[in-house]
Amino acid sequence: MARTVWDSSVGKKTVMAVSGLIMLLYLVAHMIGNLKIYFGAGEFNHYAHWLRTIGEPVMHYEWTLWLVRVVLVVAVVAHAVSAYQLSRRDIRARPDRYVHRKPRTSYATRTMRWGGIILGLFIVWHLLDLTTGTVHSGGFQEGHPYQNVVDTFSTWYGDVVYIVAMLALGLHIRHGFWSAAQTLGAGSGNRDRALKTVANVLALVLTAGFLSVPVGVMIGVVS
């Protein structure tokens, strides 16, 4: 049954919707955590340490954090694979380009695929920068996330990469939340306007929240 569901377009769209909502919940929590940087190095570093001790003593050190990471990796892979396979299926169904583009197709809709690629590449860069320190500028300091964030956003390329990725994220959320709601049957004539409003607000709040951190470093509020 699972294979039959996965092989269908509806099944793949459902996987995309559920995995997308899982990642959206994580992004909301992640943004709230990021904003703690405005309370100073001590508060931000303490928050980063707390993430590794969630669930103690029932859970050992970092077990909960690794559980979250595993769920996110599964969600990202499922989202990317289903999106790729749906895209290939769409191309096979209509190999020729449309002569006329749909006039009401939004910019976010037309760039969902490229936006997904940009975000995938950004995730790799972001992990190598602030988790492993492999591509970090200024000398990565284990256990000092506040200083690592300031180092990253003190470089022009760190700001550019992050800003471009967050703008792509906003467009992705705006269209993705709406699509997920339709796929999961939440849409209706009475709820469509409300769902569109929620999608717009989520995209705006998350984009602004994430972008506030590099902007805060650039203008000296965070230093």
Protein backbone atom coordinates (compact mmCIF):
# COMPACT_ATOMS: atom_id res chain seq x y z
CA MET A 1 0.00 0.00 0.00
CA ALA A 2 2.83 2.39 0.89
CA ARG A 3 4.50 1.78 -2.48
CA THR A 4 1.21 2.34 -4.30
CA VAL A 5 0.67 5.65 -2.51
CA TRP A 6 4.25 6.76 -3.16
CA ASP A 7 4.04 5.92 -6.86
CA SER A 8 0.98 8.13 -7.33
CA SER A 9 1.21 11.87 -7.92
CA VAL A 10 -1.22 12.48 -5.07
CA GLY A 11 0.98 10.44 -2.74
CA LYS A 12 4.11 12.39 -3.67
CA LYS A 13 2.27 15.70 -3.22
CA THR A 14 1.11 14.53 0.21
CA VAL A 15 4.69 13.64 1.18
CA MET A 16 5.79 17.09 -0.02
CA ALA A 17 3.03 18.77 2.01
CA VAL A 18 3.67 16.89 5.26
CA SER A 19 7.46 17.18 5.06
CA GLY A 20 7.12 20.87 4.19
CA LEU A 21 4.95 21.53 7.25
CA ILE A 22 7.47 19.71 9.46
CA MET A 23 10.22 21.98 8.16
CA LEU A 24 7.99 25.03 8.58
CA LEU A 25 7.45 24.24 12.27
CA TYR A 26 11.19 23.92 12.69
CA LEU A 27 11.78 27.25 10.93
CA VAL A 28 9.40 29.04 13.28
CA ALA A 29 11.21 27.62 16.32
CA HIS A 30 14.60 28.32 14.74
CA MET A 31 13.73 31.95 14.01
CA ILE A 32 12.54 32.51 17.59
CA GLY A 33 15.81 31.03 18.84
CA ASN A 34 17.84 33.22 16.48
CA LEU A 35 16.21 36.37 17.85
CA LYS A 36 17.73 35.61 21.25
CA ILE A 37 20.95 37.01 19.81
CA TYR A 38 19.58 40.49 20.61
CA PHE A 39 19.76 39.68 24.34
CA GLY A 40 23.53 39.34 24.24
CA ALA A 41 26.22 36.69 23.98
CA GLY A 42 25.45 35.08 27.33
CA GLU A 43 21.77 34.55 26.57
CA PHE A 44 22.40 33.29 23.03
CA ASN A 45 25.19 30.90 24.02
CA HIS A 46 23.11 29.59 26.93
CA TYR A 47 20.23 28.90 24.52
CA ALA A 48 22.57 26.99 22.20
CA HIS A 49 23.77 24.90 25.15
CA TRP A 50 20.18 24.28 26.30
CA LEU A 51 19.37 22.76 22.90
CA ARG A 52 21.89 20.02 23.68
CA THR A 53 20.42 19.25 27.10
CA ILE A 54 16.71 19.06 26.19
CA GLY A 55 15.08 16.05 27.82
CA GLU A 56 17.74 15.38 30.44
CA PRO A 57 18.01 13.26 32.45
CA VAL A 58 15.66 10.97 30.49
CA MET A 59 17.53 11.77 27.29
CA HIS A 60 21.31 11.84 27.28
CA TYR A 61 23.31 14.89 26.20
CA GLU A 62 22.44 15.86 22.58
CA TRP A 63 20.10 12.89 22.07
CA THR A 64 17.03 15.09 21.57
CA LEU A 65 18.98 17.41 19.29
CA TRP A 66 20.10 14.49 17.15
CA LEU A 67 16.54 13.15 17.06
CA VAL A 68 15.38 16.52 15.70
CA ARG A 69 18.21 16.47 13.16
CA VAL A 70 17.25 12.99 11.94
CA VAL A 71 13.60 14.02 11.52
CA LEU A 72 14.67 17.12 9.60
CA VAL A 73 17.02 15.18 7.33
CA VAL A 74 14.23 12.70 6.53
CA ALA A 75 11.84 15.59 5.86
CA VAL A 76 14.32 17.41 3.60
CA VAL A 77 15.17 14.28 1.61
CA ALA A 78 11.51 13.26 1.25
CA HIS A 79 10.59 16.80 0.17
CA ALA A 80 13.41 17.05 -2.36
CA VAL A 81 12.91 13.57 -3.85
CA SER A 82 9.16 13.95 -4.22
CA ALA A 83 9.59 17.43 -5.74
CA TYR A 84 12.16 16.13 -8.24
CA GLN A 85 10.07 13.13 -9.24
CA LEU A 86 6.93 15.25 -9.64
CA SER A 87 8.91 17.69 -11.78
CA ARG A 88 10.20 14.89 -14.02
CA ARG A 89 6.72 13.42 -14.29
CA ASP A 90 5.35 16.83 -15.28
CA ILE A 91 8.03 17.24 -17.96
CA ARG A 92 7.33 13.78 -19.40
CA ALA A 93 3.61 14.50 -19.48
CA ARG A 94 4.17 17.72 -21.46
CA PRO A 95 7.70 17.86 -22.94
CA ASP A 96 6.97 21.00 -24.95
CA ARG A 97 6.96 24.37 -23.22
CA TYR A 98 3.69 26.21 -22.92
CA VAL A 99 3.26 28.72 -25.72
CA HIS A 100 1.56 31.18 -23.38
CA ARG A 101 2.39 31.49 -19.72
CA LYS A 102 -0.58 31.52 -17.40
CA PRO A 103 -1.22 35.20 -16.67
CA ARG A 104 -2.11 34.63 -13.02
CA THR A 105 0.88 32.49 -12.16
CA SER A 106 2.79 34.23 -9.37
CA TYR A 107 6.52 34.83 -9.31
CA ALA A 108 6.82 32.48 -6.33
CA THR A 109 5.09 29.69 -8.27
CA ARG A 110 7.38 30.09 -11.28
CA THR A 111 10.51 30.02 -9.13
CA MET A 112 9.63 27.19 -6.72
CA ARG A 113 12.06 24.78 -8.36
CA TRP A 114 14.99 27.19 -8.45
CA GLY A 115 14.12 28.37 -4.97
CA GLY A 116 14.31 24.79 -3.73
CA ILE A 117 17.74 24.34 -5.30
CA ILE A 118 18.98 27.60 -3.76
CA LEU A 119 17.72 26.53 -0.33
CA GLY A 120 19.28 23.07 -0.68
CA LEU A 121 22.67 24.58 -1.45
CA PHE A 122 22.25 27.09 1.37
CA ILE A 123 21.54 24.35 3.92
CA VAL A 124 24.86 22.69 3.03
CA TRP A 125 26.73 26.00 3.26
CA HIS A 126 24.98 26.95 6.52
CA LEU A 127 25.94 23.66 8.19
CA LEU A 128 29.55 23.90 6.99
CA ASP A 129 29.69 27.47 8.25
CA LEU A 130 28.03 27.48 11.68
CA THR A 131 27.84 23.79 12.67
CA THR A 132 31.13 22.22 11.56
CA GLY A 133 33.06 25.47 10.96
CA THR A 134 34.57 24.07 7.75
CA VAL A 135 34.00 27.23 5.69
CA HIS A 136 33.70 29.65 8.60
CA SER A 137 35.50 32.97 8.46
CA GLY A 138 37.45 34.46 11.35
CA GLY A 139 38.21 31.19 13.12
CA PHE A 140 35.39 28.93 14.27
CA GLN A 141 34.94 28.81 18.05
CA GLU A 142 33.33 25.64 19.34
CA GLY A 143 30.74 26.45 22.00
CA HIS A 144 30.61 30.16 21.12
CA PRO A 145 27.75 30.45 18.59
CA TYR A 146 27.26 34.17 19.24
CA GLN A 147 30.76 35.05 18.09
CA ASN A 148 30.51 32.63 15.15
CA VAL A 149 27.31 34.33 13.94
CA VAL A 150 28.90 37.77 14.26
CA ASP A 151 31.97 36.55 12.32
CA THR A 152 29.82 35.18 9.50
CA PHE A 153 27.76 38.33 9.07
CA SER A 154 30.80 40.56 9.30
CA THR A 155 31.74 39.43 5.78
CA TRP A 156 30.00 40.70 2.65
CA TYR A 157 29.69 37.24 1.11
CA GLY A 158 28.19 35.81 4.30
CA ASP A 159 25.52 38.49 4.19
CA VAL A 160 24.82 38.04 0.48
CA VAL A 161 24.47 34.25 0.70
CA TYR A 162 22.15 34.47 3.69
CA ILE A 163 19.99 37.31 2.36
CA VAL A 164 19.49 35.64 -1.05
CA ALA A 165 18.60 32.35 0.65
CA MET A 166 16.11 34.00 3.03
CA LEU A 167 14.37 35.83 0.19
CA ALA A 168 14.08 32.51 -1.65
CA LEU A 169 12.75 30.97 1.57
CA GLY A 170 10.03 33.61 1.85
CA LEU A 171 8.80 32.95 -1.68
CA HIS A 172 8.99 29.20 -1.10
CA ILE A 173 6.92 29.40 2.09
CA ARG A 174 4.35 31.74 0.55
CA HIS A 175 3.52 29.32 -2.23
CA GLY A 176 4.40 26.10 -0.40
CA PHE A 177 2.07 26.66 2.56
CA TRP A 178 -0.82 27.38 0.22
CA SER A 179 -0.06 24.29 -1.89
CA ALA A 180 0.26 22.09 1.20
CA ALA A 181 -3.11 23.28 2.48
CA GLN A 182 -4.75 22.43 -0.85
CA THR A 183 -3.06 19.02 -1.02
CA LEU A 184 -4.16 18.08 2.50
CA GLY A 185 -7.73 19.16 1.83
CA ALA A 186 -7.74 22.24 4.06
CA GLY A 187 -8.72 24.59 1.24
CA SER A 188 -12.29 25.56 0.53
CA GLY A 189 -14.23 28.51 -0.79
CA ASN A 190 -14.67 29.88 2.72
CA ARG A 191 -11.10 29.31 3.90
CA ASP A 192 -9.03 30.15 0.82
CA ARG A 193 -8.65 33.84 1.64
CA ALA A 194 -7.67 33.07 5.23
CA LEU A 195 -5.12 30.46 4.09
CA LYS A 196 -3.59 32.91 1.63
CA THR A 197 -3.34 35.51 4.38
CA VAL A 198 -1.66 33.01 6.72
CA ALA A 199 0.79 32.05 3.95
CA ASN A 200 1.68 35.69 3.31
CA VAL A 201 2.07 36.49 7.02
CA LEU A 202 4.22 33.42 7.67
CA ALA A 203 6.46 34.22 4.71
CA LEU A 204 6.81 37.86 5.75
CA VAL A 205 7.44 37.20 9.45
CA LEU A 206 9.96 34.41 8.88
CA THR A 207 11.83 36.33 6.19
CA ALA A 208 11.97 39.49 8.31
CA GLY A 209 12.93 37.55 11.44
CA PHE A 210 15.80 35.69 9.81
CA LEU A 211 17.05 38.75 7.92
CA SER A 212 17.07 40.85 11.07
CA VAL A 213 20.13 38.97 12.36
CA PRO A 214 22.60 39.84 9.55
CA VAL A 215 21.11 43.34 9.39
CA GLY A 216 21.63 43.67 13.15
CA VAL A 217 25.30 42.74 12.75
CA MET A 218 25.75 45.07 9.78
CA ILE A 219 24.38 48.11 11.61
CA GLY A 220 26.18 47.30 14.85
CA VAL A 221 23.19 46.39 17.02
CA VAL A 222 24.73 42.93 17.38
CA SER A 223 28.49 43.02 17.81
